[in-house]
């Protein structure tokens, strides 16, 4: 097959340097990963709460048998390990001839991430052979990734958004485990879907061109004898023809490409048909980079009612004080029956009165000495979601959960955020997609412009890989 790319040695095998991006909570699974691998590329299933698929091909739903967060957290870890093993087996069975490679993606800020990673790698074997060939990890600084994967003879792929981030990982941990460093994933923090690695020094509204950052990353890698290790370009990748000045560029190569958005619209993709139809109607600018995620990271998602409600919730926000002072000099009673009040500024009074008159009469305190104004039903739902937290993250600002020590972050729960586990699970099953979280890369609008998807055409994964390799 004629391709504008050459095969690379990735995770111990010569394959097409096309990598399926790992999308959590059942979107990238063993079925999609297996078909990418069968096409001679790299398939990636998500290790973020992967579903258990039984021997009959049926999903085994997680029904919590316990009540406390800590108990539910343990149930979730146990389920995730069994789920990851089952997904690895599905992928391996599809690519039984080992045309490609099978990877797993781990959200490093996932609750119990280290235990889940070790448990899946321990169980995902066929005799002494690993069913998982590589592990990508992002949304955090995965220092322990190298040590754990190397112990199992599995390649590792840290996801970074700058040379500086990789340098920190290399000097502190990875230099001791260079043998199994399979690649470094540079994920463009302005264009990638899901969670993004923007630093506090970077402006979310002022993107920096990837080329300069890739050259900087390669220069460092070459300086520490990693010239043979591929960089994986992720985020904003659609047509390979758009990357002609990168492909074959000695300042960047060897180079692979990760596709997270395009695999959403394939015959094998598990997303709902209604979600697929929505992707074909998106326009440029319909994806919003926001900071509502309970992880604290920026993330990219489709601007729908779910995102609009979060934005509106944060806009109904004022500073407050429990005691009157020169600035907070107006006593606002929010519960007359119990004579409960806060103090706000005189300048904010008119805004507050307007919100209350519109039905946003309940307040919820945030960790930043502010209050937001919500409806009674909204407050009830937020509180319910916080109480029902199952510990899916290592640190959750929405529920103040932490997966170690005293199991609390030490901050107030943040009602400006949301339960990510609940909404992503709902998005997988509930076709009311306007009111659920839809993570997406910023290039998703191209589904509606790309002639390949004309008249609603949906390719198989094999067809998509072949199409990508032509440059289009």
Protein backbone atom coordinates (compact mmCIF):
# COMPACT_ATOMS: atom_id res chain seq x y z
CA UNK A 1 0.00 0.00 0.00
CA UNK A 2 1.33 3.42 -0.98
CA UNK A 3 1.74 5.65 2.05
CA UNK A 4 3.29 9.00 2.84
CA UNK A 5 4.61 7.41 6.06
CA UNK A 6 7.18 4.69 6.59
CA UNK A 7 6.70 1.93 9.11
CA UNK A 8 8.40 2.38 12.48
CA UNK A 9 9.44 0.04 15.23
CA UNK A 10 6.83 0.72 17.88
CA UNK A 11 6.53 -1.45 20.97
CA UNK A 12 8.83 -4.04 19.44
CA UNK A 13 7.30 -4.40 15.96
CA UNK A 14 7.45 -2.66 12.58
CA UNK A 15 4.00 -1.10 12.15
CA UNK A 16 2.33 1.88 10.57
CA UNK A 17 2.96 4.85 12.91
CA UNK A 18 -0.77 5.50 13.27
CA UNK A 19 -2.01 5.33 16.85
CA UNK A 20 -5.58 5.26 18.07
CA UNK A 21 -6.05 7.89 20.78
CA UNK A 22 -7.27 6.41 24.06
CA UNK A 23 -10.66 7.84 25.00
CA UNK A 24 -12.01 6.89 28.41
CA UNK A 25 -15.14 5.23 29.81
CA UNK A 26 -15.79 2.74 27.04
CA UNK A 27 -15.16 4.85 23.92
CA UNK A 28 -11.76 3.33 23.03
CA UNK A 29 -12.17 -0.33 23.89
CA UNK A 30 -10.75 -3.72 23.05
CA UNK A 31 -12.92 -3.96 19.94
CA UNK A 32 -11.65 -0.71 18.40
CA UNK A 33 -8.08 -1.37 19.54
CA UNK A 34 -8.10 -4.84 18.06
CA UNK A 35 -9.23 -3.57 14.67
CA UNK A 36 -6.59 -0.82 14.60
CA UNK A 37 -3.95 -3.44 15.37
CA UNK A 38 -5.38 -5.80 12.75
CA UNK A 39 -4.98 -2.99 10.20
CA UNK A 40 -1.24 -2.94 10.98
CA UNK A 41 -1.39 0.14 13.20
CA UNK A 42 -1.56 0.66 16.98
CA UNK A 43 -4.87 0.22 18.76
CA UNK A 44 -5.45 1.74 22.18
CA UNK A 45 -8.12 0.81 24.68
CA UNK A 46 -8.81 2.95 27.70
CA UNK A 47 -7.80 1.80 31.17
CA UNK A 48 -10.07 4.42 32.73
CA UNK A 49 -12.84 2.26 34.16
CA UNK A 50 -12.93 -0.20 31.23
CA UNK A 51 -16.02 -2.37 31.00
CA UNK A 52 -15.96 -6.05 31.83
CA UNK A 53 -17.12 -8.07 28.84
CA UNK A 54 -18.06 -11.64 29.71
CA UNK A 55 -17.48 -14.80 27.66
CA UNK A 56 -20.81 -14.26 25.90
CA UNK A 57 -19.80 -10.79 24.77
CA UNK A 58 -22.15 -9.10 27.22
CA UNK A 59 -21.19 -6.11 29.36
CA UNK A 60 -21.14 -6.79 33.09
CA UNK A 61 -22.44 -3.59 34.66
CA UNK A 62 -20.84 -2.30 37.85
CA UNK A 63 -23.51 -2.19 40.54
CA UNK A 64 -22.09 -0.93 43.81
CA UNK A 65 -22.77 -3.19 46.75
CA UNK A 66 -21.31 -0.83 49.35
CA UNK A 67 -22.20 2.66 50.57
CA UNK A 68 -19.11 4.67 51.54
CA UNK A 69 -16.78 6.40 49.10
CA UNK A 70 -13.82 4.34 50.22
CA UNK A 71 -15.73 1.08 49.77
CA UNK A 72 -17.04 2.11 46.35
CA UNK A 73 -13.51 3.16 45.39
CA UNK A 74 -12.29 -0.38 46.12
CA UNK A 75 -15.13 -1.86 44.07
CA UNK A 76 -14.27 0.47 41.16
CA UNK A 77 -10.59 -0.54 41.25
CA UNK A 78 -11.45 -4.25 41.27
CA UNK A 79 -13.91 -3.77 38.40
CA UNK A 80 -11.40 -1.70 36.38
CA UNK A 81 -8.70 -4.36 36.66
CA UNK A 82 -11.05 -7.11 35.49
CA UNK A 83 -12.39 -4.82 32.78
CA UNK A 84 -8.94 -3.94 31.47
CA UNK A 85 -7.96 -7.61 31.29
CA UNK A 86 -11.14 -8.46 29.38
CA UNK A 87 -10.56 -5.58 26.91
CA UNK A 88 -6.96 -6.69 26.31
CA UNK A 89 -8.16 -10.22 25.54
CA UNK A 90 -10.78 -8.92 23.09
CA UNK A 91 -8.19 -6.80 21.27
CA UNK A 92 -5.68 -9.64 21.12
CA UNK A 93 -8.28 -12.08 19.77
CA UNK A 94 -9.18 -9.69 16.94
CA UNK A 95 -5.52 -9.16 15.99
CA UNK A 96 -4.66 -12.82 16.44
CA UNK A 97 -2.04 -12.65 13.67
CA UNK A 98 -0.32 -9.72 15.45
CA UNK A 99 -0.35 -7.36 12.48
CA UNK A 100 -0.07 -4.40 14.84
CA UNK A 101 0.35 -3.46 18.47
CA UNK A 102 -2.11 -3.11 21.34
CA UNK A 103 -1.74 -0.27 23.82
CA UNK A 104 -3.66 0.82 26.90
CA UNK A 105 -4.21 4.42 27.96
CA UNK A 106 -4.21 5.34 31.64
CA UNK A 107 -5.51 8.59 33.08
CA UNK A 108 -2.83 9.25 35.68
CA UNK A 109 -5.23 11.27 37.82
CA UNK A 110 -7.59 8.29 37.93
CA UNK A 111 -8.27 7.00 41.43
CA UNK A 112 -6.02 4.05 42.24
CA UNK A 113 -4.19 4.42 38.89
CA UNK A 114 -1.06 2.56 40.02
CA UNK A 115 -3.03 -0.37 41.39
CA UNK A 116 -5.20 -0.56 38.27
CA UNK A 117 -2.16 -0.42 35.97
CA UNK A 118 -0.30 -3.15 37.85
CA UNK A 119 -3.40 -5.33 38.14
CA UNK A 120 -4.21 -5.16 34.44
CA UNK A 121 -0.62 -5.80 33.31
CA UNK A 122 -0.36 -8.73 35.70
CA UNK A 123 -3.56 -10.32 34.39
CA UNK A 124 -3.34 -9.44 30.67
CA UNK A 125 -1.11 -12.30 29.65
CA UNK A 126 -1.28 -15.36 27.46
CA UNK A 127 1.21 -17.59 29.22
CA UNK A 128 4.36 -15.48 29.39
CA UNK A 129 3.31 -13.29 26.45
CA UNK A 130 1.92 -9.81 27.18
CA UNK A 131 -1.38 -9.02 25.51
CA UNK A 132 -0.64 -5.32 26.07
CA UNK A 133 2.46 -4.03 24.29
CA UNK A 134 2.48 -0.41 25.41
CA UNK A 135 0.93 1.98 27.93
CA UNK A 136 0.27 5.68 27.38
CA UNK A 137 -0.38 7.89 30.38
CA UNK A 138 -1.35 11.53 30.73
CA UNK A 139 -3.38 14.00 32.80
CA UNK A 140 -0.65 14.32 35.39
CA UNK A 141 3.05 13.58 35.77
CA UNK A 142 3.38 9.77 35.56
CA UNK A 143 6.73 9.34 37.30
CA UNK A 144 6.03 5.73 38.32
CA UNK A 145 4.92 4.70 34.82
CA UNK A 146 8.40 3.67 33.66
CA UNK A 147 9.17 1.56 36.72
CA UNK A 148 5.87 -0.35 36.60
CA UNK A 149 5.70 -1.06 32.86
CA UNK A 150 9.41 -1.99 32.65
CA UNK A 151 8.88 -4.59 35.33
CA UNK A 152 6.39 -6.30 33.02
CA UNK A 153 8.46 -5.84 29.87
CA UNK A 154 5.90 -3.41 28.44
CA UNK A 155 6.78 -0.19 26.62
CA UNK A 156 5.65 3.14 28.06
CA UNK A 157 4.56 6.38 26.38
CA UNK A 158 4.22 9.46 28.62
CA UNK A 159 1.89 12.18 27.35
CA UNK A 160 3.40 15.65 27.72
CA UNK A 161 2.65 19.12 26.41
CA UNK A 162 6.17 20.53 26.55
CA UNK A 163 9.84 19.60 26.51
CA UNK A 164 10.15 20.82 30.09
CA UNK A 165 7.56 18.29 31.30
CA UNK A 166 9.40 15.41 29.66
CA UNK A 167 12.74 16.66 30.96
CA UNK A 168 11.37 16.52 34.50
CA UNK A 169 10.11 12.97 33.96
CA UNK A 170 13.40 11.89 32.39
CA UNK A 171 15.73 13.30 35.02
CA UNK A 172 13.66 12.19 37.99
CA UNK A 173 12.63 8.70 36.83
CA UNK A 174 12.79 7.65 33.18
CA UNK A 175 16.57 7.75 32.72
CA UNK A 176 16.72 4.59 34.86
CA UNK A 177 14.26 2.77 32.59
CA UNK A 178 15.18 3.94 29.08
CA UNK A 179 15.01 0.44 27.54
CA UNK A 180 11.21 0.39 27.50
CA UNK A 181 10.60 4.04 26.60
CA UNK A 182 8.59 3.39 23.44
CA UNK A 183 7.87 6.99 22.54
CA UNK A 184 7.00 10.43 23.87
CA UNK A 185 3.50 11.68 23.07
CA UNK A 186 3.40 15.42 22.48
CA UNK A 187 -0.26 16.37 22.92
CA UNK A 188 -1.10 19.85 21.69
CA UNK A 189 -2.80 21.42 24.73
CA UNK A 190 -4.81 23.83 22.60
CA UNK A 191 -6.23 21.34 20.12
CA UNK A 192 -6.49 17.91 21.77
CA UNK A 193 -9.76 16.49 23.02
CA UNK A 194 -10.40 15.48 26.60
CA UNK A 195 -7.98 16.76 29.23
CA UNK A 196 -5.20 19.12 28.17
CA UNK A 197 -1.84 19.92 29.73
CA UNK A 198 -1.81 23.71 29.68
CA UNK A 199 0.51 25.15 32.29
CA UNK A 200 -0.28 28.21 34.39
CA UNK A 201 2.14 30.22 32.24
CA UNK A 202 0.34 29.43 28.97
CA UNK A 203 -2.62 31.39 27.68
CA UNK A 204 -5.53 29.12 26.64
CA UNK A 205 -6.52 31.75 24.08
CA UNK A 206 -3.04 32.05 22.50
CA UNK A 207 -1.99 28.73 20.97
CA UNK A 208 1.68 28.09 20.25
CA UNK A 209 2.60 26.28 17.04
CA UNK A 210 3.44 22.62 17.59
CA UNK A 211 6.51 22.62 15.31
CA UNK A 212 8.67 24.75 17.60
CA UNK A 213 7.76 22.65 20.63
CA UNK A 214 8.43 19.38 18.78
CA UNK A 215 11.86 20.59 17.66
CA UNK A 216 12.65 21.60 21.23
CA UNK A 217 11.52 18.20 22.52
CA UNK A 218 13.56 16.31 19.90
CA UNK A 219 16.66 18.38 20.65
CA UNK A 220 16.47 17.38 24.31
CA UNK A 221 15.76 13.74 23.46
CA UNK A 222 18.72 13.58 21.09
CA UNK A 223 20.91 15.05 23.82
CA UNK A 224 20.11 12.15 26.17
CA UNK A 225 20.59 9.40 23.54
CA UNK A 226 16.93 9.05 22.61
CA UNK A 227 17.30 9.91 18.92
CA UNK A 228 15.80 6.51 17.99
CA UNK A 229 12.69 7.00 20.15
CA UNK A 230 9.66 8.31 18.22
CA UNK A 231 7.76 11.43 19.12
CA UNK A 232 4.00 10.90 18.77
CA UNK A 233 2.16 13.99 17.55
CA UNK A 234 -1.30 14.14 19.15
CA UNK A 235 -4.01 16.78 19.12
CA UNK A 236 -5.19 18.56 15.99
CA UNK A 237 -4.19 15.73 13.64
CA UNK A 238 -6.66 15.17 10.80
CA UNK A 239 -4.99 14.88 7.35
CA UNK A 240 -1.35 13.82 7.25
CA UNK A 241 -0.89 16.10 4.23
CA UNK A 242 -1.26 18.99 6.66
CA UNK A 243 1.93 17.80 8.37
CA UNK A 244 4.21 17.62 5.33
CA UNK A 245 6.80 19.97 6.87
CA UNK A 246 7.00 17.65 9.89
CA UNK A 247 7.16 14.29 8.09
CA UNK A 248 10.75 13.55 7.13
CA UNK A 249 12.01 16.61 9.01
CA UNK A 250 15.35 15.59 10.64
CA UNK A 251 14.74 18.11 13.43
CA UNK A 252 11.66 16.11 14.50
CA UNK A 253 11.78 12.54 13.15
CA UNK A 254 11.19 9.73 13.94
CA UNK A 255 7.55 10.76 14.17
CA UNK A 256 4.25 8.93 14.65
CA UNK A 257 0.73 10.34 14.70
CA UNK A 258 -2.10 9.80 17.15
CA UNK A 259 -5.72 10.12 16.01
CA UNK A 260 -8.26 10.61 18.74
CA UNK A 261 -11.18 12.31 17.00
CA UNK A 262 -11.44 10.58 13.61
CA UNK A 263 -11.86 7.06 15.10
CA UNK A 264 -15.05 8.27 16.82
CA UNK A 265 -16.84 7.94 13.49
CA UNK A 266 -16.16 4.37 12.41
CA UNK A 267 -18.29 1.28 12.07
CA UNK A 268 -16.60 -0.24 15.12
CA UNK A 269 -16.94 2.83 17.35
CA UNK A 270 -19.26 2.26 20.33
CA UNK A 271 -20.56 5.83 20.45
CA UNK A 272 -24.30 6.32 20.08
CA UNK A 273 -25.66 6.93 16.56
CA UNK A 274 -27.05 10.25 17.73
CA UNK A 275 -23.55 11.27 18.84
CA UNK A 276 -22.18 10.27 15.43
CA UNK A 277 -24.79 12.39 13.66
CA UNK A 278 -23.92 15.32 15.93
CA UNK A 279 -20.26 15.08 14.90
CA UNK A 280 -21.24 15.53 11.25
CA UNK A 281 -23.00 18.83 12.04
CA UNK A 282 -20.32 20.53 14.14
CA UNK A 283 -18.92 23.86 12.98
CA UNK A 284 -15.53 25.41 13.65
CA UNK A 285 -15.60 26.91 17.13
CA UNK A 286 -18.16 24.44 18.48
CA UNK A 287 -15.51 22.87 20.74
CA UNK A 288 -14.77 24.76 23.95
CA UNK A 289 -11.56 24.70 25.96
CA UNK A 290 -12.75 24.97 29.55
CA UNK A 291 -11.67 24.41 33.14
CA UNK A 292 -14.82 22.84 34.57
CA UNK A 293 -13.33 19.34 34.92
CA UNK A 294 -13.07 18.04 38.51
CA UNK A 295 -9.43 17.11 37.76
CA UNK A 296 -8.48 20.78 37.67
CA UNK A 297 -7.06 20.39 34.16
CA UNK A 298 -8.28 22.24 31.10
CA UNK A 299 -10.41 20.05 28.85
CA UNK A 300 -12.03 20.31 25.42
CA UNK A 301 -15.68 19.46 24.88
CA UNK A 302 -18.58 20.21 22.53
CA UNK A 303 -20.40 23.38 23.47
CA UNK A 304 -23.84 22.04 24.33
CA UNK A 305 -26.38 22.61 27.10
CA UNK A 306 -24.22 20.69 29.57
CA UNK A 307 -21.24 23.01 29.05
CA UNK A 308 -23.49 26.10 28.83
CA UNK A 309 -25.07 25.26 32.20
CA UNK A 310 -21.61 24.99 33.80
CA UNK A 311 -20.58 28.33 32.28
CA UNK A 312 -23.82 29.98 33.43
CA UNK A 313 -23.40 28.50 36.91
CA UNK A 314 -19.93 30.04 37.24
CA UNK A 315 -21.14 33.38 35.90
CA UNK A 316 -23.64 33.64 38.78
CA UNK A 317 -20.81 34.04 41.26
CA UNK A 318 -19.77 36.69 43.76
CA UNK A 319 -17.23 37.02 46.53
CA UNK A 320 -18.51 36.73 50.08
CA UNK A 321 -17.47 36.89 53.71
CA UNK A 322 -18.97 35.31 56.80
CA UNK A 323 -18.26 38.55 58.66
CA UNK A 324 -18.98 42.10 57.67
CA UNK A 325 -16.00 44.21 56.60
CA UNK A 326 -15.33 47.37 54.61
CA UNK A 327 -15.74 45.60 51.26
CA UNK A 328 -18.37 43.00 52.18
CA UNK A 329 -20.74 45.42 53.85
CA UNK A 330 -24.18 44.10 52.95
CA UNK A 331 -25.80 41.26 54.90
CA UNK A 332 -27.57 38.89 52.52
CA UNK A 333 -29.95 36.42 54.17
CA UNK A 334 -30.12 33.20 52.17
CA UNK A 335 -32.13 31.16 54.70
CA UNK A 336 -34.62 33.26 56.65
CA UNK A 337 -35.95 30.32 58.67
CA UNK A 338 -32.53 29.63 60.18
CA UNK A 339 -31.36 33.26 59.93
CA UNK A 340 -28.38 32.22 57.85
CA UNK A 341 -26.60 35.00 56.01
CA UNK A 342 -23.41 35.95 54.20
CA UNK A 343 -21.93 39.34 53.51
CA UNK A 344 -21.46 40.60 49.96
CA UNK A 345 -20.41 43.90 48.45
CA UNK A 346 -22.93 46.61 47.71
CA UNK A 347 -21.79 46.50 44.05
CA UNK A 348 -22.83 42.84 43.77
CA UNK A 349 -26.23 43.34 45.38
CA UNK A 350 -28.14 44.17 42.18
CA UNK A 351 -26.74 41.10 40.39
CA UNK A 352 -27.69 38.87 43.30
CA UNK A 353 -31.22 40.29 43.51
CA UNK A 354 -31.65 39.69 39.77
CA UNK A 355 -30.48 36.06 40.03
CA UNK A 356 -32.77 35.41 42.97
CA UNK A 357 -35.75 36.90 41.11
CA UNK A 358 -35.04 34.48 38.23
CA UNK A 359 -35.24 31.49 40.59
CA UNK A 360 -31.55 31.08 41.41
CA UNK A 361 -32.27 31.57 45.09
CA UNK A 362 -29.94 28.94 46.62
CA UNK A 363 -26.27 29.55 47.32
CA UNK A 364 -23.38 27.09 47.26
CA UNK A 365 -19.95 27.97 48.60
CA UNK A 366 -16.80 27.33 46.57
CA UNK A 367 -13.19 26.78 47.68
CA UNK A 368 -12.31 30.31 46.48
CA UNK A 369 -14.34 32.35 49.01
CA UNK A 370 -17.11 32.86 46.49
CA UNK A 371 -20.69 31.66 46.26
CA UNK A 372 -22.68 30.62 43.21
CA UNK A 373 -26.43 30.99 42.86
CA UNK A 374 -28.44 27.98 41.69
CA UNK A 375 -32.03 26.78 41.66
CA UNK A 376 -33.23 24.56 44.52
CA UNK A 377 -33.42 21.52 42.22
CA UNK A 378 -29.93 22.18 40.89
CA UNK A 379 -28.52 22.42 44.39
CA UNK A 380 -30.23 19.17 45.33
CA UNK A 381 -28.75 17.38 42.29
CA UNK A 382 -25.23 18.75 42.85
CA UNK A 383 -25.31 17.74 46.50
CA UNK A 384 -26.61 14.27 45.59
CA UNK A 385 -23.83 13.77 43.04
CA UNK A 386 -21.21 14.86 45.58
CA UNK A 387 -22.55 12.49 48.23
CA UNK A 388 -22.59 9.58 45.75
CA UNK A 389 -18.91 10.03 44.82
CA UNK A 390 -17.24 6.67 44.14
CA UNK A 391 -13.65 7.90 44.18
CA UNK A 392 -12.91 7.69 40.45
CA UNK A 393 -10.14 10.34 40.59
CA UNK A 394 -7.01 10.60 42.69
CA UNK A 395 -8.06 14.17 43.55
CA UNK A 396 -11.57 15.44 42.85
CA UNK A 397 -12.37 19.09 43.36
CA UNK A 398 -16.09 18.45 42.84
CA UNK A 399 -16.47 16.13 45.83
CA UNK A 400 -13.22 16.85 47.80
CA UNK A 401 -12.24 13.15 47.49
CA UNK A 402 -8.60 12.04 47.56
CA UNK A 403 -7.58 8.41 47.06
CA UNK A 404 -4.98 8.27 49.85
CA UNK A 405 -4.02 9.52 53.33
CA UNK A 406 -7.20 10.89 54.96
CA UNK A 407 -9.19 10.62 51.69
CA UNK A 408 -10.03 14.34 51.64
CA UNK A 409 -8.45 17.12 49.59
CA UNK A 410 -8.72 19.61 52.44
CA UNK A 411 -10.79 21.98 50.28
CA UNK A 412 -14.53 22.63 50.11
CA UNK A 413 -16.30 20.62 47.40
CA UNK A 414 -16.53 22.77 44.26
CA UNK A 415 -20.09 23.04 42.87
CA UNK A 416 -18.80 24.77 39.72
CA UNK A 417 -17.55 21.37 38.53
CA UNK A 418 -19.35 18.06 37.96
CA UNK A 419 -19.15 14.31 38.60
CA UNK A 420 -17.07 13.14 35.63
CA UNK A 421 -17.77 9.45 36.20
CA UNK A 422 -21.52 9.99 36.17
CA UNK A 423 -21.66 12.14 33.05
CA UNK A 424 -19.25 10.05 30.98
CA UNK A 425 -21.13 6.88 31.86
CA UNK A 426 -24.37 8.63 30.91
CA UNK A 427 -22.92 9.88 27.61
CA UNK A 428 -22.16 6.28 26.66
CA UNK A 429 -25.78 5.18 27.16
CA UNK A 430 -28.05 8.23 27.16
CA UNK A 431 -28.95 9.68 23.77
CA UNK A 432 -29.86 13.07 25.28
CA UNK A 433 -26.39 14.15 24.20
CA UNK A 434 -27.13 17.86 24.51
CA UNK A 435 -27.26 17.44 28.28
CA UNK A 436 -24.22 15.17 28.66
CA UNK A 437 -20.48 15.81 28.47
CA UNK A 438 -19.09 15.30 24.96
CA UNK A 439 -15.29 15.39 25.01
CA UNK A 440 -13.90 16.13 21.55
CA UNK A 441 -10.83 17.43 19.77
CA UNK A 442 -11.05 20.88 18.19
CA UNK A 443 -10.87 19.41 14.68
CA UNK A 444 -14.19 17.57 15.03
CA UNK A 445 -15.84 20.19 12.81
CA UNK A 446 -13.92 18.66 9.91
CA UNK A 447 -16.28 15.67 9.85
CA UNK A 448 -18.80 17.97 8.18
CA UNK A 449 -16.25 19.41 5.73
CA UNK A 450 -14.22 16.34 4.76
CA UNK A 451 -15.44 14.83 1.48
CA UNK A 452 -14.61 11.38 2.86
CA UNK A 453 -17.67 11.57 5.12
CA UNK A 454 -19.94 12.94 2.39
CA UNK A 455 -23.57 11.78 2.58
CA UNK A 456 -23.00 10.39 6.06
CA UNK A 457 -20.41 7.78 5.04
CA UNK A 458 -18.93 5.96 8.05
CA UNK A 459 -15.78 3.89 7.34
CA UNK A 460 -14.55 0.75 9.02
CA UNK A 461 -11.36 1.16 11.03
CA UNK A 462 -9.43 -0.70 8.33
CA UNK A 463 -10.77 1.72 5.70
CA UNK A 464 -9.93 4.70 7.93
CA UNK A 465 -6.31 3.58 8.46
CA UNK A 466 -5.83 3.10 4.72
CA UNK A 467 -7.37 6.50 4.04
CA UNK A 468 -5.16 8.22 6.65
CA UNK A 469 -2.01 6.70 5.12
CA UNK A 470 -2.78 8.33 1.76
CA UNK A 471 -2.43 11.70 3.46
CA UNK A 472 -6.17 12.34 3.47
